[in-house]
PDB file of N, CA and C in Angstrom:
ATOM      1  N   MET A   1      -1.811 113.124-140.126  1.00  0.00           N
ATOM      2  CA  MET A   1      -1.180 111.952-139.539  1.00  0.00           C
ATOM      3  C   MET A   1      -0.041 111.461-140.429  1.00  0.00           C
ATOM      4  N   LYS A   2      -0.302 111.423-141.728  1.00  0.00           N
ATOM      5  CA  LYS A   2       0.710 110.983-142.682  1.00  0.00           C
ATOM      6  C   LYS A   2       1.930 111.905-142.625  1.00  0.00           C
ATOM      7  N   GLU A   3       1.677 113.200-142.528  1.00  0.00           N
ATOM      8  CA  GLU A   3       2.758 114.183-142.461  1.00  0.00           C
ATOM      9  C   GLU A   3       3.554 114.023-141.164  1.00  0.00           C
ATOM     10  N   GLY A   4       2.872 113.767-140.074  1.00  0.00           N
ATOM     11  CA  GLY A   4       3.527 113.557-138.782  1.00  0.00           C
ATOM     12  C   GLY A   4       4.427 112.340-138.783  1.00  0.00           C
ATOM     13  N   ASN A   5       3.964 111.261-139.394  1.00  0.00           N
ATOM     14  CA  ASN A   5       4.770 110.043-139.494  1.00  0.00           C
ATOM     15  C   ASN A   5       6.018 110.278-140.343  1.00  0.00           C
ATOM     16  N   TYR A   6       5.851 111.017-141.425  1.00  0.00           N
ATOM     17  CA  TYR A   6       6.998 111.298-142.287  1.00  0.00           C
ATOM     18  C   TYR A   6       8.006 112.190-141.554  1.00  0.00           C
ATOM     19  N   TYR A   7       7.505 113.139-140.780  1.00  0.00           N
ATOM     20  CA  TYR A   7       8.380 114.001-139.987  1.00  0.00           C
ATOM     21  C   TYR A   7       9.205 113.171-138.999  1.00  0.00           C
ATOM     22  N   SER A   8       8.580 112.214-138.342  1.00  0.00           N
ATOM     23  CA  SER A   8       9.297 111.338-137.406  1.00  0.00           C
ATOM     24  C   SER A   8      10.412 110.579-138.115  1.00  0.00           C
ATOM     25  N   LYS A   9      10.123 110.107-139.311  1.00  0.00           N
ATOM     26  CA  LYS A   9      11.130 109.395-140.113  1.00  0.00           C
ATOM     27  C   LYS A   9      12.309 110.323-140.420  1.00  0.00           C
ATOM     28  N   LEU A  10      12.005 111.562-140.833  1.00  0.00           N
ATOM     29  CA  LEU A  10      13.064 112.510-141.168  1.00  0.00           C
ATOM     30  C   LEU A  10      13.890 112.873-139.933  1.00  0.00           C
ATOM     31  N   LYS A  11      13.255 113.037-138.776  1.00  0.00           N
ATOM     32  CA  LYS A  11      13.982 113.349-137.546  1.00  0.00           C
ATOM     33  C   LYS A  11      14.944 112.212-137.182  1.00  0.00           C
ATOM     34  N   THR A  12      14.527 110.975-137.411  1.00  0.00           N
ATOM     35  CA  THR A  12      15.406 109.832-137.154  1.00  0.00           C
ATOM     36  C   THR A  12      16.602 109.860-138.099  1.00  0.00           C
ATOM     37  N   LEU A  13      16.345 110.137-139.379  1.00  0.00           N
ATOM     38  CA  LEU A  13      17.442 110.230-140.350  1.00  0.00           C
ATOM     39  C   LEU A  13      18.404 111.357-139.991  1.00  0.00           C
ATOM     40  N   GLU A  14      17.855 112.455-139.500  1.00  0.00           N
ATOM     41  CA  GLU A  14      18.687 113.589-139.096  1.00  0.00           C
ATOM     42  C   GLU A  14      19.545 113.208-137.869  1.00  0.00           C
ATOM     43  N   LYS A  15      18.951 112.513-136.937  1.00  0.00           N
ATOM     44  CA  LYS A  15      19.652 112.082-135.717  1.00  0.00           C
ATOM     45  C   LYS A  15      20.854 111.199-136.048  1.00  0.00           C
ATOM     46  N   PHE A  16      20.699 110.340-137.061  1.00  0.00           N
ATOM     47  CA  PHE A  16      21.765 109.421-137.433  1.00  0.00           C
ATOM     48  C   PHE A  16      22.689 109.974-138.521  1.00  0.00           C
ATOM     49  N   GLY A  17      22.547 111.270-138.831  1.00  0.00           N
ATOM     50  CA  GLY A  17      23.465 111.922-139.754  1.00  0.00           C
ATOM     51  C   GLY A  17      23.260 111.598-141.222  1.00  0.00           C
ATOM     52  N   LYS A  18      22.084 111.120-141.566  1.00  0.00           N
ATOM     53  CA  LYS A  18      21.795 110.795-142.967  1.00  0.00           C
ATOM     54  C   LYS A  18      21.311 112.023-143.737  1.00  0.00           C
ATOM     55  N   ILE A  19      20.659 112.959-143.024  1.00  0.00           N
ATOM     56  CA  ILE A  19      20.199 114.208-143.636  1.00  0.00           C
ATOM     57  C   ILE A  19      20.591 115.373-142.734  1.00  0.00           C
ATOM     58  N   LYS A  20      20.570 116.586-143.301  1.00  0.00           N
ATOM     59  CA  LYS A  20      20.894 117.783-142.519  1.00  0.00           C
ATOM     60  C   LYS A  20      20.027 118.941-142.992  1.00  0.00           C
ATOM     61  N   ASN A  21      20.039 120.013-142.206  1.00  0.00           N
ATOM     62  CA  ASN A  21      19.315 121.247-142.535  1.00  0.00           C
ATOM     63  C   ASN A  21      17.820 121.022-142.767  1.00  0.00           C
ATOM     64  N   LEU A  22      17.206 120.186-141.964  1.00  0.00           N
ATOM     65  CA  LEU A  22      15.772 119.916-142.085  1.00  0.00           C
ATOM     66  C   LEU A  22      14.973 121.163-141.701  1.00  0.00           C
ATOM     67  N   GLU A  23      14.092 121.576-142.611  1.00  0.00           N
ATOM     68  CA  GLU A  23      13.204 122.708-142.365  1.00  0.00           C
ATOM     69  C   GLU A  23      11.774 122.279-142.672  1.00  0.00           C
ATOM     70  N   LEU A  24      10.837 122.894-141.962  1.00  0.00           N
ATOM     71  CA  LEU A  24       9.419 122.610-142.168  1.00  0.00           C
ATOM     72  C   LEU A  24       8.717 123.854-142.678  1.00  0.00           C
ATOM     73  N   GLN A  25       7.778 123.640-143.577  1.00  0.00           N
ATOM     74  CA  GLN A  25       6.907 124.709-144.073  1.00  0.00           C
ATOM     75  C   GLN A  25       7.687 125.907-144.637  1.00  0.00           C
ATOM     76  N   LYS A  26       8.747 125.631-145.381  1.00  0.00           N
ATOM     77  CA  LYS A  26       9.518 126.719-145.987  1.00  0.00           C
ATOM     78  C   LYS A  26       8.748 127.284-147.179  1.00  0.00           C
ATOM     79  N   GLU A  27       8.726 128.607-147.254  1.00  0.00           N
ATOM     80  CA  GLU A  27       7.978 129.279-148.315  1.00  0.00           C
ATOM     81  C   GLU A  27       8.929 129.758-149.412  1.00  0.00           C
ATOM     82  N   PHE A  28       8.517 129.569-150.658  1.00  0.00           N
ATOM     83  CA  PHE A  28       9.287 129.979-151.823  1.00  0.00           C
ATOM     84  C   PHE A  28       8.470 130.952-152.665  1.00  0.00           C
ATOM     85  N   LEU A  29       9.113 131.966-153.164  1.00  0.00           N
ATOM     86  CA  LEU A  29       8.463 132.932-154.044  1.00  0.00           C
ATOM     87  C   LEU A  29       8.437 132.383-155.469  1.00  0.00           C
ATOM     88  N   LEU A  30       7.255 132.308-156.045  1.00  0.00           N
ATOM     89  CA  LEU A  30       7.119 131.834-157.422  1.00  0.00           C
ATOM     90  C   LEU A  30       6.984 132.997-158.390  1.00  0.00           C
ATOM     91  N   GLN A  31       6.299 134.050-157.961  1.00  0.00           N
ATOM     92  CA  GLN A  31       6.141 135.252-158.784  1.00  0.00           C
ATOM     93  C   GLN A  31       5.993 136.448-157.867  1.00  0.00           C
ATOM     94  N   GLU A  32       6.712 137.504-158.178  1.00  0.00           N
ATOM     95  CA  GLU A  32       6.642 138.728-157.389  1.00  0.00           C
ATOM     96  C   GLU A  32       5.281 139.395-157.580  1.00  0.00           C
ATOM     97  N   LYS A  33       4.917 140.251-156.607  1.00  0.00           N
ATOM     98  CA  LYS A  33       3.692 141.039-156.780  1.00  0.00           C
ATOM     99  C   LYS A  33       3.956 142.076-157.875  1.00  0.00           C
ATOM    100  N   PHE A  34       2.889 142.542-158.501  1.00  0.00           N
ATOM    101  CA  PHE A  34       3.030 143.527-159.571  1.00  0.00           C
ATOM    102  C   PHE A  34       1.768 144.369-159.659  1.00  0.00           C
ATOM    103  N   LYS A  35       1.871 145.465-160.382  1.00  0.00           N
ATOM    104  CA  LYS A  35       0.722 146.343-160.597  1.00  0.00           C
ATOM    105  C   LYS A  35       0.357 146.345-162.075  1.00  0.00           C
ATOM    106  N   ILE A  36      -0.937 146.414-162.314  1.00  0.00           N
ATOM    107  CA  ILE A  36      -1.446 146.541-163.675  1.00  0.00           C
ATOM    108  C   ILE A  36      -2.692 147.421-163.606  1.00  0.00           C
ATOM    109  N   ASN A  37      -2.724 148.450-164.420  1.00  0.00           N
ATOM    110  CA  ASN A  37      -3.837 149.404-164.424  1.00  0.00           C
ATOM    111  C   ASN A  37      -4.159 149.923-163.019  1.00  0.00           C
ATOM    112  N   GLY A  38      -3.106 150.194-162.246  1.00  0.00           N
ATOM    113  CA  GLY A  38      -3.285 150.746-160.908  1.00  0.00           C
ATOM    114  C   GLY A  38      -3.704 149.737-159.847  1.00  0.00           C
ATOM    115  N   LYS A  39      -3.863 148.481-160.227  1.00  0.00           N
ATOM    116  CA  LYS A  39      -4.263 147.442-159.270  1.00  0.00           C
ATOM    117  C   LYS A  39      -3.055 146.559-158.959  1.00  0.00           C
ATOM    118  N   THR A  40      -2.880 146.289-157.677  1.00  0.00           N
ATOM    119  CA  THR A  40      -1.773 145.431-157.253  1.00  0.00           C
ATOM    120  C   THR A  40      -2.215 143.977-157.235  1.00  0.00           C
ATOM    121  N   ARG A  41      -1.417 143.152-157.859  1.00  0.00           N
ATOM    122  CA  ARG A  41      -1.640 141.698-157.838  1.00  0.00           C
ATOM    123  C   ARG A  41      -0.679 141.102-156.822  1.00  0.00           C
ATOM    124  N   ARG A  42      -1.183 140.225-155.966  1.00  0.00           N
ATOM    125  CA  ARG A  42      -0.367 139.627-154.911  1.00  0.00           C
ATOM    126  C   ARG A  42       0.686 138.692-155.498  1.00  0.00           C
ATOM    127  N   GLU A  43       1.742 138.504-154.706  1.00  0.00           N
ATOM    128  CA  GLU A  43       2.768 137.541-155.089  1.00  0.00           C
ATOM    129  C   GLU A  43       2.194 136.133-155.017  1.00  0.00           C
ATOM    130  N   ILE A  44       2.852 135.214-155.707  1.00  0.00           N
ATOM    131  CA  ILE A  44       2.461 133.805-155.664  1.00  0.00           C
ATOM    132  C   ILE A  44       3.582 133.057-154.970  1.00  0.00           C
ATOM    133  N   THR A  45       3.219 132.284-153.945  1.00  0.00           N
ATOM    134  CA  THR A  45       4.214 131.528-153.191  1.00  0.00           C
ATOM    135  C   THR A  45       3.822 130.052-153.134  1.00  0.00           C
ATOM    136  N   TYR A  46       4.823 129.248-152.824  1.00  0.00           N
ATOM    137  CA  TYR A  46       4.617 127.811-152.599  1.00  0.00           C
ATOM    138  C   TYR A  46       5.276 127.464-151.271  1.00  0.00           C
ATOM    139  N   LYS A  47       4.575 126.727-150.432  1.00  0.00           N
ATOM    140  CA  LYS A  47       5.112 126.310-149.146  1.00  0.00           C
ATOM    141  C   LYS A  47       5.202 124.789-149.121  1.00  0.00           C
ATOM    142  N   CYS A  48       6.438 124.297-149.031  1.00  0.00           N
ATOM    143  CA  CYS A  48       6.635 122.840-148.988  1.00  0.00           C
ATOM    144  C   CYS A  48       6.420 122.334-147.564  1.00  0.00           C
ATOM    145  N   ASP A  49       6.216 121.048-147.428  1.00  0.00           N
ATOM    146  CA  ASP A  49       6.091 120.458-146.101  1.00  0.00           C
ATOM    147  C   ASP A  49       7.469 120.311-145.448  1.00  0.00           C
ATOM    148  N   PHE A  50       8.442 119.814-146.227  1.00  0.00           N
ATOM    149  CA  PHE A  50       9.787 119.592-145.700  1.00  0.00           C
ATOM    150  C   PHE A  50      10.826 119.913-146.772  1.00  0.00           C
ATOM    151  N   ILE A  51      11.975 120.383-146.320  1.00  0.00           N
ATOM    152  CA  ILE A  51      13.131 120.537-147.190  1.00  0.00           C
ATOM    153  C   ILE A  51      14.346 120.121-146.366  1.00  0.00           C
ATOM    154  N   TYR A  52      15.251 119.359-146.990  1.00  0.00           N
ATOM    155  CA  TYR A  52      16.454 118.915-146.296  1.00  0.00           C
ATOM    156  C   TYR A  52      17.523 118.590-147.335  1.00  0.00           C
ATOM    157  N   ILE A  53      18.720 118.361-146.832  1.00  0.00           N
ATOM    158  CA  ILE A  53      19.845 117.982-147.693  1.00  0.00           C
ATOM    159  C   ILE A  53      20.295 116.591-147.271  1.00  0.00           C
ATOM    160  N   SER A  54      20.454 115.691-148.238  1.00  0.00           N
ATOM    161  CA  SER A  54      20.955 114.356-147.928  1.00  0.00           C
ATOM    162  C   SER A  54      22.476 114.427-147.800  1.00  0.00           C
ATOM    163  N   CYS A  55      22.992 113.801-146.778  1.00  0.00           N
ATOM    164  CA  CYS A  55      24.425 113.886-146.483  1.00  0.00           C
ATOM    165  C   CYS A  55      25.282 113.078-147.449  1.00  0.00           C
ATOM    166  N   ASP A  56      24.721 112.018-148.026  1.00  0.00           N
ATOM    167  CA  ASP A  56      25.541 111.181-148.906  1.00  0.00           C
ATOM    168  C   ASP A  56      25.895 111.857-150.228  1.00  0.00           C
ATOM    169  N   ASP A  57      24.981 112.660-150.797  1.00  0.00           N
ATOM    170  CA  ASP A  57      25.269 113.297-152.089  1.00  0.00           C
ATOM    171  C   ASP A  57      25.062 114.816-152.079  1.00  0.00           C
ATOM    172  N   ASN A  58      24.729 115.371-150.916  1.00  0.00           N
ATOM    173  CA  ASN A  58      24.532 116.822-150.755  1.00  0.00           C
ATOM    174  C   ASN A  58      23.397 117.371-151.625  1.00  0.00           C
ATOM    175  N   LYS A  59      22.432 116.536-151.952  1.00  0.00           N
ATOM    176  CA  LYS A  59      21.299 116.916-152.788  1.00  0.00           C
ATOM    177  C   LYS A  59      20.177 117.504-151.928  1.00  0.00           C
ATOM    178  N   THR A  60      19.574 118.582-152.433  1.00  0.00           N
ATOM    179  CA  THR A  60      18.428 119.194-151.756  1.00  0.00           C
ATOM    180  C   THR A  60      17.153 118.445-152.121  1.00  0.00           C
ATOM    181  N   HIS A  61      16.375 118.122-151.104  1.00  0.00           N
ATOM    182  CA  HIS A  61      15.101 117.425-151.292  1.00  0.00           C
ATOM    183  C   HIS A  61      13.968 118.321-150.798  1.00  0.00           C
ATOM    184  N   VAL A  62      12.992 118.538-151.655  1.00  0.00           N
ATOM    185  CA  VAL A  62      11.784 119.274-151.302  1.00  0.00           C
ATOM    186  C   VAL A  62      10.646 118.258-151.322  1.00  0.00           C
ATOM    187  N   VAL A  63       9.953 118.132-150.190  1.00  0.00           N
ATOM    188  CA  VAL A  63       8.950 117.081-150.041  1.00  0.00           C
ATOM    189  C   VAL A  63       7.592 117.679-149.711  1.00  0.00           C
ATOM    190  N   ASP A  64       6.572 117.164-150.369  1.00  0.00           N
ATOM    191  CA  ASP A  64       5.193 117.540-150.091  1.00  0.00           C
ATOM    192  C   ASP A  64       4.419 116.256-149.807  1.00  0.00           C
ATOM    193  N   VAL A  65       3.813 116.184-148.639  1.00  0.00           N
ATOM    194  CA  VAL A  65       3.004 115.021-148.278  1.00  0.00           C
ATOM    195  C   VAL A  65       1.591 115.300-148.778  1.00  0.00           C
ATOM    196  N   LYS A  66       1.137 114.494-149.712  1.00  0.00           N
ATOM    197  CA  LYS A  66      -0.138 114.767-150.379  1.00  0.00           C
ATOM    198  C   LYS A  66      -1.135 113.638-150.184  1.00  0.00           C
ATOM    199  N   GLY A  67      -2.356 114.046-149.934  1.00  0.00           N
ATOM    200  CA  GLY A  67      -3.476 113.114-149.956  1.00  0.00           C
ATOM    201  C   GLY A  67      -4.220 113.281-151.271  1.00  0.00           C
ATOM    202  N   PHE A  68      -4.320 114.531-151.704  1.00  0.00           N
ATOM    203  CA  PHE A  68      -5.042 114.871-152.929  1.00  0.00           C
ATOM    204  C   PHE A  68      -4.332 116.042-153.601  1.00  0.00           C
ATOM    205  N   LYS A  69      -4.109 115.942-154.896  1.00  0.00           N
ATOM    206  CA  LYS A  69      -3.430 116.997-155.647  1.00  0.00           C
ATOM    207  C   LYS A  69      -4.460 117.932-156.276  1.00  0.00           C
ATOM    208  N   THR A  70      -4.523 119.150-155.752  1.00  0.00           N
ATOM    209  CA  THR A  70      -5.445 120.135-156.315  1.00  0.00           C
ATOM    210  C   THR A  70      -4.846 120.724-157.591  1.00  0.00           C
ATOM    211  N   ASP A  71      -5.689 121.365-158.381  1.00  0.00           N
ATOM    212  CA  ASP A  71      -5.198 122.025-159.596  1.00  0.00           C
ATOM    213  C   ASP A  71      -4.218 123.141-159.254  1.00  0.00           C
ATOM    214  N   ILE A  72      -4.478 123.872-158.174  1.00  0.00           N
ATOM    215  CA  ILE A  72      -3.570 124.946-157.741  1.00  0.00           C
ATOM    216  C   ILE A  72      -2.208 124.354-157.388  1.00  0.00           C
ATOM    217  N   TYR A  73      -2.195 123.231-156.644  1.00  0.00           N
ATOM    218  CA  TYR A  73      -0.930 122.587-156.287  1.00  0.00           C
ATOM    219  C   TYR A  73      -0.171 122.173-157.542  1.00  0.00           C
ATOM    220  N   LYS A  74      -0.863 121.577-158.504  1.00  0.00           N
ATOM    221  CA  LYS A  74      -0.207 121.124-159.732  1.00  0.00           C
ATOM    222  C   LYS A  74       0.453 122.287-160.468  1.00  0.00           C
ATOM    223  N   LEU A  75      -0.221 123.422-160.517  1.00  0.00           N
ATOM    224  CA  LEU A  75       0.333 124.609-161.169  1.00  0.00           C
ATOM    225  C   LEU A  75       1.535 125.144-160.395  1.00  0.00           C
ATOM    226  N   LYS A  76       1.404 125.259-159.077  1.00  0.00           N
ATOM    227  CA  LYS A  76       2.511 125.752-158.270  1.00  0.00           C
ATOM    228  C   LYS A  76       3.719 124.815-158.342  1.00  0.00           C
ATOM    229  N   LYS A  77       3.465 123.523-158.425  1.00  0.00           N
ATOM    230  CA  LYS A  77       4.553 122.544-158.561  1.00  0.00           C
ATOM    231  C   LYS A  77       5.347 122.812-159.835  1.00  0.00           C
ATOM    232  N   LYS A  78       4.651 123.013-160.928  1.00  0.00           N
ATOM    233  CA  LYS A  78       5.335 123.299-162.200  1.00  0.00           C
ATOM    234  C   LYS A  78       6.133 124.593-162.128  1.00  0.00           C
ATOM    235  N   LEU A  79       5.537 125.623-161.557  1.00  0.00           N
ATOM    236  CA  LEU A  79       6.228 126.907-161.424  1.00  0.00           C
ATOM    237  C   LEU A  79       7.470 126.775-160.539  1.00  0.00           C
ATOM    238  N   PHE A  80       7.338 126.068-159.424  1.00  0.00           N
ATOM    239  CA  PHE A  80       8.468 125.868-158.510  1.00  0.00           C
ATOM    240  C   PHE A  80       9.597 125.116-159.206  1.00  0.00           C
ATOM    241  N   GLU A  81       9.270 123.996-159.828  1.00  0.00           N
ATOM    242  CA  GLU A  81      10.299 123.165-160.462  1.00  0.00           C
ATOM    243  C   GLU A  81      11.006 123.919-161.582  1.00  0.00           C
ATOM    244  N   HIS A  82      10.276 124.734-162.310  1.00  0.00           N
ATOM    245  CA  HIS A  82      10.886 125.530-163.379  1.00  0.00           C
ATOM    246  C   HIS A  82      11.815 126.594-162.798  1.00  0.00           C
ATOM    247  N   LYS A  83      11.340 127.304-161.793  1.00  0.00           N
ATOM    248  CA  LYS A  83      12.119 128.414-161.240  1.00  0.00           C
ATOM    249  C   LYS A  83      13.339 127.948-160.447  1.00  0.00           C
ATOM    250  N   TYR A  84      13.178 126.895-159.640  1.00  0.00           N
ATOM    251  CA  TYR A  84      14.253 126.487-158.736  1.00  0.00           C
ATOM    252  C   TYR A  84      15.045 125.270-159.227  1.00  0.00           C
ATOM    253  N   GLY A  85      14.561 124.578-160.239  1.00  0.00           N
ATOM    254  CA  GLY A  85      15.290 123.443-160.781  1.00  0.00           C
ATOM    255  C   GLY A  85      15.395 122.266-159.826  1.00  0.00           C
ATOM    256  N   ILE A  86      14.410 122.147-158.938  1.00  0.00           N
ATOM    257  CA  ILE A  86      14.363 121.059-157.972  1.00  0.00           C
ATOM    258  C   ILE A  86      13.014 120.353-158.127  1.00  0.00           C
ATOM    259  N   GLU A  87      13.037 119.044-158.297  1.00  0.00           N
ATOM    260  CA  GLU A  87      11.786 118.299-158.425  1.00  0.00           C
ATOM    261  C   GLU A  87      11.172 118.078-157.047  1.00  0.00           C
ATOM    262  N   ILE A  88       9.895 118.361-156.910  1.00  0.00           N
ATOM    263  CA  ILE A  88       9.187 118.139-155.652  1.00  0.00           C
ATOM    264  C   ILE A  88       8.899 116.644-155.524  1.00  0.00           C
ATOM    265  N   GLU A  89       9.290 116.094-154.389  1.00  0.00           N
ATOM    266  CA  GLU A  89       9.020 114.693-154.095  1.00  0.00           C
ATOM    267  C   GLU A  89       7.690 114.597-153.364  1.00  0.00           C
ATOM    268  N   GLU A  90       6.783 113.810-153.885  1.00  0.00           N
ATOM    269  CA  GLU A  90       5.457 113.662-153.282  1.00  0.00           C
ATOM    270  C   GLU A  90       5.383 112.347-152.535  1.00  0.00           C
ATOM    271  N   VAL A  91       4.905 112.434-151.310  1.00  0.00           N
ATOM    272  CA  VAL A  91       4.803 111.239-150.459  1.00  0.00           C
ATOM    273  C   VAL A  91       3.335 110.959-150.192  1.00  0.00           C
TER     274      VAL A  91
END
């Protein structure tokens, strides 16, 4: 419900030209898959709830609507911010 309400807010901002390029559930690669001792390790990805660009300053915003921050989320957040240089905004 919280995510749906935030989406409605973003759609309104997009309609009035305040934001652009709104995407939902975009996936980012944090670490490629690799092999070790003949075993393949899966890639690590992070999927944000929303990503958009603000029209006033052309800044990219990555947003995650959170009720509870799991340890996995906290780790992926650090990896994402380090790799992409964009701070995740938590709502």
